[in-house]
């Protein structure tokens, strides 16, 4: 009889803990409040772009988050953030998730990730008038070259690793490395094939010659690390939307 009561007590405790975990999930908070809060930087074209005039956002990420909110039956609220505080925001509960972010071991120590739905590769870029000055990675890695990057981004880590001999120009968001190069204050910046192609349509920039793609990186949404209920929901949502062709169509829409 004692063993039977112990078993019942243990089962009840397990159910109680499960219920508590469920109640604490961001999923329940979102459904109860009717609002999905998404942290986004608004400065990664064509993933997330903020229009200062209307205070609205557009882009590949924005379409994904809007679709997720629609399927949840809630409204989406985009919370402004920047790259250096992107992870801290989701850890502190300022938003339920972020838009696309590169997956990295450092970020995985403190935050969870959804399943990946797109990947990027990285290259160095310069302005067209300086393109003849560089050929290959070694031509950039010298003290006479200024390499610009944005503080707190994955690009900052890359340029520090790839070009330790170059002079680094580090700016804080919302400033961007490519702006320093366009202004003539720097010579080279590093970005993804995604953003590089988009910038090339607007500005006179060019990929540095004879540079192979480096560090293919999966992209995913940042989520609270301990919230397995919310992580499971988002991961299964990604699987369903992949099967339905949503991500493929969205990539085509934004030229990715």
Protein backbone atom coordinates (compact mmCIF):
# COMPACT_ATOMS: atom_id res chain seq x y z
CA UNK A 1 0.00 0.00 0.00
CA UNK A 2 2.86 2.36 0.89
CA UNK A 3 4.54 1.71 -2.46
CA UNK A 4 1.23 2.33 -4.22
CA UNK A 5 0.77 5.69 -2.48
CA UNK A 6 4.38 6.62 -3.23
CA UNK A 7 3.81 5.86 -6.90
CA UNK A 8 0.64 7.96 -6.96
CA UNK A 9 2.45 10.84 -5.23
CA UNK A 10 5.31 10.66 -7.72
CA UNK A 11 2.91 10.61 -10.67
CA UNK A 12 0.96 13.56 -9.28
CA UNK A 13 4.18 15.49 -8.73
CA UNK A 14 5.30 14.74 -12.30
CA UNK A 15 1.97 15.97 -13.68
CA UNK A 16 2.18 19.04 -11.49
CA UNK A 17 5.67 19.87 -12.71
CA UNK A 18 4.63 19.26 -16.31
CA UNK A 19 1.67 21.57 -15.86
CA UNK A 20 3.88 24.22 -14.30
CA UNK A 21 6.33 23.99 -17.20
CA UNK A 22 3.45 24.27 -19.66
CA UNK A 23 2.00 27.29 -17.85
CA UNK A 24 5.38 29.02 -17.91
CA UNK A 25 5.89 28.50 -21.63
CA UNK A 26 6.02 31.47 -23.95
CA UNK A 27 3.48 29.62 -26.09
CA UNK A 28 0.83 30.00 -23.40
CA UNK A 29 1.74 33.62 -22.80
CA UNK A 30 1.43 34.36 -26.53
CA UNK A 31 -1.95 32.63 -26.80
CA UNK A 32 -3.26 34.30 -23.66
CA UNK A 33 -2.09 37.81 -24.60
CA UNK A 34 -2.84 37.49 -28.31
CA UNK A 35 0.58 38.97 -29.17
CA UNK A 36 3.78 37.37 -30.51
CA UNK A 37 6.75 39.62 -29.66
CA UNK A 38 9.67 39.31 -32.08
CA UNK A 39 13.05 40.98 -31.67
CA UNK A 40 14.39 42.29 -34.98
CA UNK A 41 17.21 44.67 -35.93
CA UNK A 42 15.68 46.14 -39.08
CA UNK A 43 19.09 46.56 -40.71
CA UNK A 44 19.74 43.30 -42.58
CA UNK A 45 18.45 43.68 -46.10
CA UNK A 46 16.55 41.72 -47.42
CA UNK A 47 15.88 39.83 -44.17
CA UNK A 48 14.59 42.70 -42.02
CA UNK A 49 14.43 46.33 -43.09
CA UNK A 50 12.87 49.14 -41.05
CA UNK A 51 11.22 52.11 -42.74
CA UNK A 52 11.89 55.07 -40.39
CA UNK A 53 9.09 57.11 -41.97
CA UNK A 54 6.38 54.59 -41.09
CA UNK A 55 8.16 52.70 -38.28
CA UNK A 56 7.24 49.48 -40.11
CA UNK A 57 9.29 46.49 -41.22
CA UNK A 58 9.57 44.40 -44.34
CA UNK A 59 11.69 41.49 -45.50
CA UNK A 60 12.14 37.72 -45.57
CA UNK A 61 12.16 37.52 -41.75
CA UNK A 62 9.14 39.76 -41.42
CA UNK A 63 7.09 37.53 -43.71
CA UNK A 64 8.08 34.47 -41.67
CA UNK A 65 7.13 36.04 -38.34
CA UNK A 66 3.87 37.37 -39.74
CA UNK A 67 2.98 33.90 -41.05
CA UNK A 68 3.83 32.32 -37.70
CA UNK A 69 1.60 34.83 -35.88
CA UNK A 70 -1.22 34.16 -38.35
CA UNK A 71 -1.01 30.41 -37.73
CA UNK A 72 -0.99 31.05 -33.97
CA UNK A 73 -4.06 33.25 -34.37
CA UNK A 74 -2.36 36.26 -32.76
CA UNK A 75 -0.92 39.65 -33.70
CA UNK A 76 2.80 40.14 -34.23
CA UNK A 77 4.72 42.93 -32.50
CA UNK A 78 8.22 43.71 -33.76
CA UNK A 79 10.49 44.83 -30.94
CA UNK A 80 13.48 46.95 -32.06
CA UNK A 81 16.84 45.55 -31.00
CA UNK A 82 20.43 45.53 -32.25
CA UNK A 83 22.98 42.82 -32.87
CA UNK A 84 24.97 43.26 -29.67
CA UNK A 85 21.86 42.85 -27.49
CA UNK A 86 19.91 40.44 -29.70
CA UNK A 87 20.61 37.37 -27.57
CA UNK A 88 20.24 39.23 -24.27
CA UNK A 89 16.76 40.34 -25.29
CA UNK A 90 15.43 36.82 -25.75
CA UNK A 91 17.19 35.59 -22.59
CA UNK A 92 15.69 38.46 -20.56
CA UNK A 93 12.21 37.86 -21.96
CA UNK A 94 11.93 41.18 -23.80
CA UNK A 95 10.55 39.21 -26.75
CA UNK A 96 9.45 35.62 -27.33
CA UNK A 97 11.88 34.99 -30.19
CA UNK A 98 14.04 36.74 -32.74
CA UNK A 99 14.04 36.79 -36.48
CA UNK A 100 16.84 35.06 -38.37
CA UNK A 101 20.22 34.83 -36.65
CA UNK A 102 23.29 32.80 -37.48
CA UNK A 103 23.73 29.71 -35.32
CA UNK A 104 26.94 29.73 -33.29
CA UNK A 105 28.33 27.79 -30.31
CA UNK A 106 28.56 31.01 -28.28
CA UNK A 107 24.88 31.81 -28.78
CA UNK A 108 23.87 28.20 -28.16
CA UNK A 109 25.36 28.40 -24.66
CA UNK A 110 22.65 30.80 -23.50
CA UNK A 111 19.79 30.58 -26.00
CA UNK A 112 17.88 28.00 -27.97
CA UNK A 113 17.48 27.84 -31.74
CA UNK A 114 14.72 26.71 -34.02
CA UNK A 115 15.42 24.34 -36.87
CA UNK A 116 17.33 26.06 -39.65
CA UNK A 117 15.48 27.06 -42.82
CA UNK A 118 18.21 28.86 -44.79
CA UNK A 119 22.00 29.14 -44.80
CA UNK A 120 24.44 31.85 -45.79
CA UNK A 121 28.05 32.07 -46.94
CA UNK A 122 30.43 34.93 -46.34
CA UNK A 123 32.75 36.99 -48.55
CA UNK A 124 34.78 40.21 -48.35
CA UNK A 125 33.49 43.15 -50.42
CA UNK A 126 34.95 46.48 -51.48
CA UNK A 127 33.93 49.37 -53.69
CA UNK A 128 34.22 48.95 -57.44
CA UNK A 129 36.90 51.65 -57.72
CA UNK A 130 39.09 49.73 -55.23
CA UNK A 131 38.40 46.26 -56.63
CA UNK A 132 41.73 46.22 -58.50
CA UNK A 133 43.63 46.66 -55.22
CA UNK A 134 42.67 43.26 -53.87
CA UNK A 135 42.86 39.65 -54.96
CA UNK A 136 42.32 36.90 -52.43
CA UNK A 137 42.17 37.00 -48.65
CA UNK A 138 45.89 37.58 -48.14
CA UNK A 139 45.71 40.88 -50.01
CA UNK A 140 43.36 42.21 -47.32
CA UNK A 141 45.30 40.96 -44.31
CA UNK A 142 47.88 43.73 -43.99
CA UNK A 143 48.23 46.90 -41.88
CA UNK A 144 47.54 49.24 -44.82
CA UNK A 145 44.00 47.91 -45.27
CA UNK A 146 41.06 49.12 -43.19
CA UNK A 147 38.36 46.52 -42.63
CA UNK A 148 35.02 47.76 -41.28
CA UNK A 149 32.51 45.79 -39.23
CA UNK A 150 29.61 46.26 -36.82
CA UNK A 151 30.08 45.60 -33.11
CA UNK A 152 28.49 42.45 -31.73
CA UNK A 153 27.77 40.77 -35.06
CA UNK A 154 29.09 37.47 -36.35
CA UNK A 155 30.90 39.56 -38.99
CA UNK A 156 33.01 41.20 -36.29
CA UNK A 157 34.30 37.80 -35.14
CA UNK A 158 35.06 36.82 -38.72
CA UNK A 159 37.12 39.88 -39.60
CA UNK A 160 39.11 39.60 -36.37
CA UNK A 161 39.92 35.99 -37.22
CA UNK A 162 40.52 36.40 -40.95
CA UNK A 163 42.37 39.72 -40.98
CA UNK A 164 44.37 40.03 -37.73
CA UNK A 165 47.01 42.22 -39.41
CA UNK A 166 44.54 44.69 -40.93
CA UNK A 167 43.29 47.85 -39.23
CA UNK A 168 39.79 47.18 -37.93
CA UNK A 169 37.14 49.89 -37.98
CA UNK A 170 34.40 48.80 -35.56
CA UNK A 171 31.14 50.77 -35.55
CA UNK A 172 28.07 50.37 -33.39
CA UNK A 173 24.60 49.60 -34.72
CA UNK A 174 22.67 51.05 -36.42
CA UNK A 175 25.87 51.97 -38.30
CA UNK A 176 27.06 49.25 -40.65
CA UNK A 177 30.44 48.20 -41.97
CA UNK A 178 29.46 48.67 -45.60
CA UNK A 179 28.58 52.32 -44.89
CA UNK A 180 32.14 52.93 -43.71
CA UNK A 181 33.45 51.48 -46.97
CA UNK A 182 31.06 53.49 -49.13
CA UNK A 183 32.08 56.66 -47.31
CA UNK A 184 35.77 55.96 -47.94
CA UNK A 185 36.62 55.57 -44.24
CA UNK A 186 37.40 51.88 -44.78
CA UNK A 187 38.42 49.64 -47.67
CA UNK A 188 36.74 46.28 -47.10
CA UNK A 189 33.79 44.82 -45.24
CA UNK A 190 32.55 41.26 -44.81
CA UNK A 191 28.97 40.21 -45.29
CA UNK A 192 26.86 37.33 -46.52
CA UNK A 193 26.12 36.42 -50.10
CA UNK A 194 22.53 37.41 -49.25
CA UNK A 195 23.22 40.97 -48.22
CA UNK A 196 26.07 41.40 -50.70
CA UNK A 197 23.80 40.69 -53.64
CA UNK A 198 21.21 43.14 -52.33
CA UNK A 199 23.75 45.88 -51.69
CA UNK A 200 25.24 45.34 -55.14
CA UNK A 201 21.92 46.33 -56.70
CA UNK A 202 21.99 49.71 -54.93
CA UNK A 203 25.63 50.66 -54.46
CA UNK A 204 28.91 50.40 -56.42
CA UNK A 205 30.34 47.48 -54.45
CA UNK A 206 31.99 44.28 -55.64
CA UNK A 207 33.09 40.99 -54.11
CA UNK A 208 36.85 40.86 -53.68
CA UNK A 209 38.30 38.81 -56.52
CA UNK A 210 39.59 35.27 -56.00
CA UNK A 211 37.91 34.81 -52.60
CA UNK A 212 36.12 31.55 -51.97
CA UNK A 213 33.02 31.40 -49.80
CA UNK A 214 33.81 30.88 -46.14
CA UNK A 215 31.93 29.60 -43.14
CA UNK A 216 28.59 28.39 -44.52
CA UNK A 217 26.30 29.08 -41.59
CA UNK A 218 22.76 27.84 -40.89
CA UNK A 219 20.24 30.52 -40.02
CA UNK A 220 17.44 30.07 -37.47
CA UNK A 221 15.30 31.88 -34.89
CA UNK A 222 16.59 32.46 -31.36
CA UNK A 223 14.31 31.13 -28.59
CA UNK A 224 14.40 30.89 -24.78
CA UNK A 225 16.75 28.00 -24.04
CA UNK A 226 14.71 26.35 -21.26
CA UNK A 227 11.31 26.63 -22.95
CA UNK A 228 11.08 23.25 -24.67
CA UNK A 229 7.33 23.57 -25.21
CA UNK A 230 7.81 26.74 -27.28
CA UNK A 231 10.88 25.33 -29.06
CA UNK A 232 8.94 22.19 -30.02
CA UNK A 233 6.07 24.24 -31.40
CA UNK A 234 8.33 26.43 -33.53
CA UNK A 235 10.39 23.48 -34.79
CA UNK A 236 7.30 21.56 -35.85
CA UNK A 237 5.90 24.72 -37.46
CA UNK A 238 9.09 25.06 -39.51
CA UNK A 239 8.79 21.43 -40.64
CA UNK A 240 5.17 21.92 -41.72
CA UNK A 241 5.95 25.14 -43.58
CA UNK A 242 8.93 23.55 -45.34
CA UNK A 243 6.73 20.70 -46.51
CA UNK A 244 4.15 23.18 -47.79
CA UNK A 245 6.77 25.13 -49.74
CA UNK A 246 6.35 28.35 -47.74
CA UNK A 247 10.06 28.95 -47.15
CA UNK A 248 10.97 28.21 -50.77
CA UNK A 249 8.36 30.67 -52.04
CA UNK A 250 9.53 33.31 -49.57
CA UNK A 251 13.13 32.89 -50.70
CA UNK A 252 12.06 33.39 -54.30
CA UNK A 253 10.09 36.51 -53.35
CA UNK A 254 13.15 38.13 -51.77
CA UNK A 255 15.70 36.87 -54.29
CA UNK A 256 17.49 34.51 -51.90
